[in-house]
Structure formats: C-alpha cells, structure tokens
Amino acid sequence: MRDSAILKLSRRSPDASPVELLARLPPAEQAKILSRMSPREAVNFPHAWRDWWARPSQLAPPGEWSTWLVLAGRFFGKTRTGAQWIHERVKSGVARYIALVAPTSADARDVMVQGPAGILAIGPPGWKPIYQLGP
C-alpha cells in the first residue's frame, strides 16, 4: 500500500523507507493513511519489511546473481537486511537450507541468528525457523 503523500516524499528522500516517510507527515495525515489498512495489513504491518520498513538500498538487487555485497557502516541494518532476505528466500521456496559465514560460530549465532535483528527475532508469529549447527 503506497499513499500519494508518501510517494511525493520519496522523491525528495530516495533512500528513506516508507515508514520513515510516514513519520515525517503530520499526525492527521499519518492516521488517515494507517486507517486505510485492511485488518490483515494492520496485523502484518510490523513484519511487512519489503512494503514498509526497508529502505530501497536494503532490498536485494533484481536479476540473477550469486553474490550480494552490502558494504555499509554501523547501523545501516546489514544484519536485518540479510535476515529478511533469508526469510524471503525460504518462505518463497527458493531456499531451504541456509549457510551463514562469520568469523566464529558464536558470532553467527549471537548476531545473525539470535541477535535483535537476527533470523529468529524478525520472523512473523507462527513462522520460526529451526536453528541447527552444521555437521
């Protein structure tokens, strides 16, 4: 759901997420946009990464590729970006098993899997992946 007020703002801030743009609107305009959500959209709002929360630079590039480098500084959202991409791939059936690469298995577990922006934290209710260490 894209509102014309959000689309106008996005032209001035091309790498802002729709939620960031929504927050810049006056409260009355925010309420008007949010009131047009269906009950299903409202329930899914906290988990609507692609539609509401992701900045354009946090979405995977289109096309066929085997490597995606997210070269960014602290607080860009690299962990969240990767976790969301993994969720999308698994839920769509494109991937079933995921390998995570980190300096240590503890780093992978503590940040990419169990961290606040990790794979286990960002899943919508009722959809929780199984975390297993490799052989």
Protein backbone atom coordinates (compact mmCIF):
# COMPACT_ATOMS: atom_id res chain seq x y z
CA MET A 1 0.00 0.00 0.00
CA ARG A 2 1.63 3.21 -1.18
CA ASP A 3 -0.05 6.51 -0.48
CA SER A 4 0.40 9.56 -2.73
CA ALA A 5 1.75 11.63 0.19
CA ILE A 6 4.44 9.01 0.85
CA LEU A 7 5.28 8.76 -2.85
CA LYS A 8 5.74 12.55 -3.05
CA LEU A 9 8.10 12.49 -0.07
CA SER A 10 10.05 9.57 -1.54
CA ARG A 11 11.10 11.72 -4.48
CA ARG A 12 12.86 14.07 -2.05
CA SER A 13 14.34 11.26 0.07
CA PRO A 14 15.01 8.40 -2.37
CA ASP A 15 16.60 6.07 0.20
CA ALA A 16 14.09 6.51 3.02
CA SER A 17 11.79 3.65 3.96
CA PRO A 18 8.03 4.16 3.66
CA VAL A 19 7.81 4.12 7.48
CA GLU A 20 10.46 6.85 7.70
CA LEU A 21 8.48 8.89 5.18
CA LEU A 22 5.23 8.24 7.03
CA ALA A 23 6.82 9.53 10.25
CA ARG A 24 7.59 12.84 8.51
CA LEU A 25 3.93 13.50 7.76
CA PRO A 26 1.65 15.42 10.14
CA PRO A 27 -0.16 13.16 12.65
CA ALA A 28 -3.53 13.66 10.95
CA GLU A 29 -2.11 12.53 7.60
CA GLN A 30 -0.42 9.53 9.27
CA ALA A 31 -3.70 8.49 10.87
CA LYS A 32 -5.53 8.84 7.55
CA ILE A 33 -3.04 6.58 5.75
CA LEU A 34 -2.97 3.97 8.52
CA SER A 35 -6.76 3.92 8.79
CA ARG A 36 -6.98 2.73 5.18
CA MET A 37 -5.15 -0.51 6.05
CA SER A 38 -7.21 -3.67 5.98
CA PRO A 39 -7.27 -5.71 9.21
CA ARG A 40 -4.84 -8.18 7.62
CA GLU A 41 -2.44 -5.38 6.58
CA ALA A 42 -2.60 -3.93 10.10
CA VAL A 43 -1.72 -7.27 11.71
CA ASN A 44 1.12 -7.83 9.25
CA PHE A 45 2.41 -4.24 9.45
CA PRO A 46 5.24 -4.96 11.94
CA HIS A 47 6.52 -7.71 9.62
CA ALA A 48 5.98 -6.01 6.24
CA TRP A 49 9.69 -5.49 5.64
CA ARG A 50 9.60 -5.10 1.87
CA ASP A 51 6.47 -2.91 1.82
CA TRP A 52 7.08 -0.62 4.80
CA TRP A 53 10.34 -0.95 6.72
CA ALA A 54 13.14 -1.49 4.20
CA ARG A 55 14.96 1.37 2.58
CA PRO A 56 15.49 0.82 -1.17
CA SER A 57 19.21 0.20 -0.55
CA GLN A 58 18.28 -2.66 1.81
CA LEU A 59 16.43 -4.66 -0.85
CA ALA A 60 18.21 -7.30 -2.90
CA PRO A 61 19.05 -6.24 -6.43
CA PRO A 62 16.96 -7.76 -9.21
CA GLY A 63 18.26 -10.34 -11.61
CA GLU A 64 20.37 -13.47 -11.48
CA TRP A 65 23.42 -13.19 -9.26
CA SER A 66 25.37 -15.36 -6.86
CA THR A 67 26.94 -12.74 -4.57
CA TRP A 68 25.39 -9.68 -2.97
CA LEU A 69 27.77 -7.42 -1.05
CA VAL A 70 26.23 -4.99 1.41
CA LEU A 71 29.16 -2.69 2.12
CA ALA A 72 27.88 -0.25 4.71
CA GLY A 73 28.73 1.26 8.06
CA ARG A 74 27.41 0.74 11.54
CA PHE A 75 23.64 0.99 11.99
CA PHE A 76 22.85 0.61 8.27
CA GLY A 77 20.87 -2.53 9.00
CA LYS A 78 23.12 -5.15 7.39
CA THR A 79 22.07 -7.92 9.78
CA ARG A 80 18.38 -7.12 9.39
CA THR A 81 18.76 -6.87 5.62
CA GLY A 82 20.37 -10.30 5.46
CA ALA A 83 17.88 -11.88 7.83
CA GLN A 84 14.93 -10.50 5.86
CA TRP A 85 16.44 -11.70 2.58
CA ILE A 86 16.87 -15.19 4.03
CA HIS A 87 13.25 -15.19 5.26
CA GLU A 88 12.04 -14.18 1.79
CA ARG A 89 14.07 -16.91 0.08
CA VAL A 90 12.95 -19.65 2.45
CA LYS A 91 9.28 -18.62 2.51
CA SER A 92 9.17 -18.42 -1.29
CA GLY A 93 10.62 -21.93 -1.58
CA VAL A 94 13.78 -20.77 -3.36
CA ALA A 95 15.96 -21.91 -0.46
CA ARG A 96 15.52 -24.49 2.25
CA TYR A 97 18.88 -24.64 3.99
CA ILE A 98 20.97 -21.56 4.69
CA ALA A 99 24.67 -21.37 5.48
CA LEU A 100 25.89 -18.39 7.48
CA VAL A 101 29.51 -17.28 7.27
CA ALA A 102 31.08 -15.45 10.20
CA PRO A 103 34.49 -15.33 11.90
CA THR A 104 33.28 -17.85 14.50
CA SER A 105 30.17 -19.97 15.02
CA ALA A 106 29.48 -17.91 18.16
CA ASP A 107 29.46 -14.72 16.05
CA ALA A 108 26.98 -16.26 13.61
CA ARG A 109 24.77 -17.50 16.44
CA ASP A 110 24.92 -14.37 18.63
CA VAL A 111 24.46 -11.80 15.85
CA MET A 112 22.94 -13.35 12.73
CA VAL A 113 20.68 -15.93 14.36
CA GLN A 114 19.82 -14.88 17.92
CA GLY A 115 20.61 -11.15 17.82
CA PRO A 116 17.95 -8.43 17.92
CA ALA A 117 17.93 -8.21 14.11
CA GLY A 118 18.73 -11.87 13.57
CA ILE A 119 16.81 -14.58 11.79
CA LEU A 120 14.95 -15.81 14.88
CA ALA A 121 13.97 -12.31 16.05
CA ILE A 122 12.43 -10.98 12.86
CA GLY A 123 10.11 -13.80 11.86
CA PRO A 124 6.39 -13.19 11.97
CA PRO A 125 4.32 -15.04 14.57
CA GLY A 126 3.80 -18.66 13.66
CA TRP A 127 6.86 -18.85 11.45
CA LYS A 128 10.01 -19.70 13.34
CA PRO A 129 12.96 -21.35 11.65
CA ILE A 130 14.89 -24.21 13.18
CA TYR A 131 18.45 -23.37 14.15
CA GLN A 132 20.93 -26.22 13.78
CA LEU A 133 24.70 -26.25 13.82
CA GLY A 134 26.30 -27.94 10.84
CA PRO A 135 27.88 -31.39 10.95
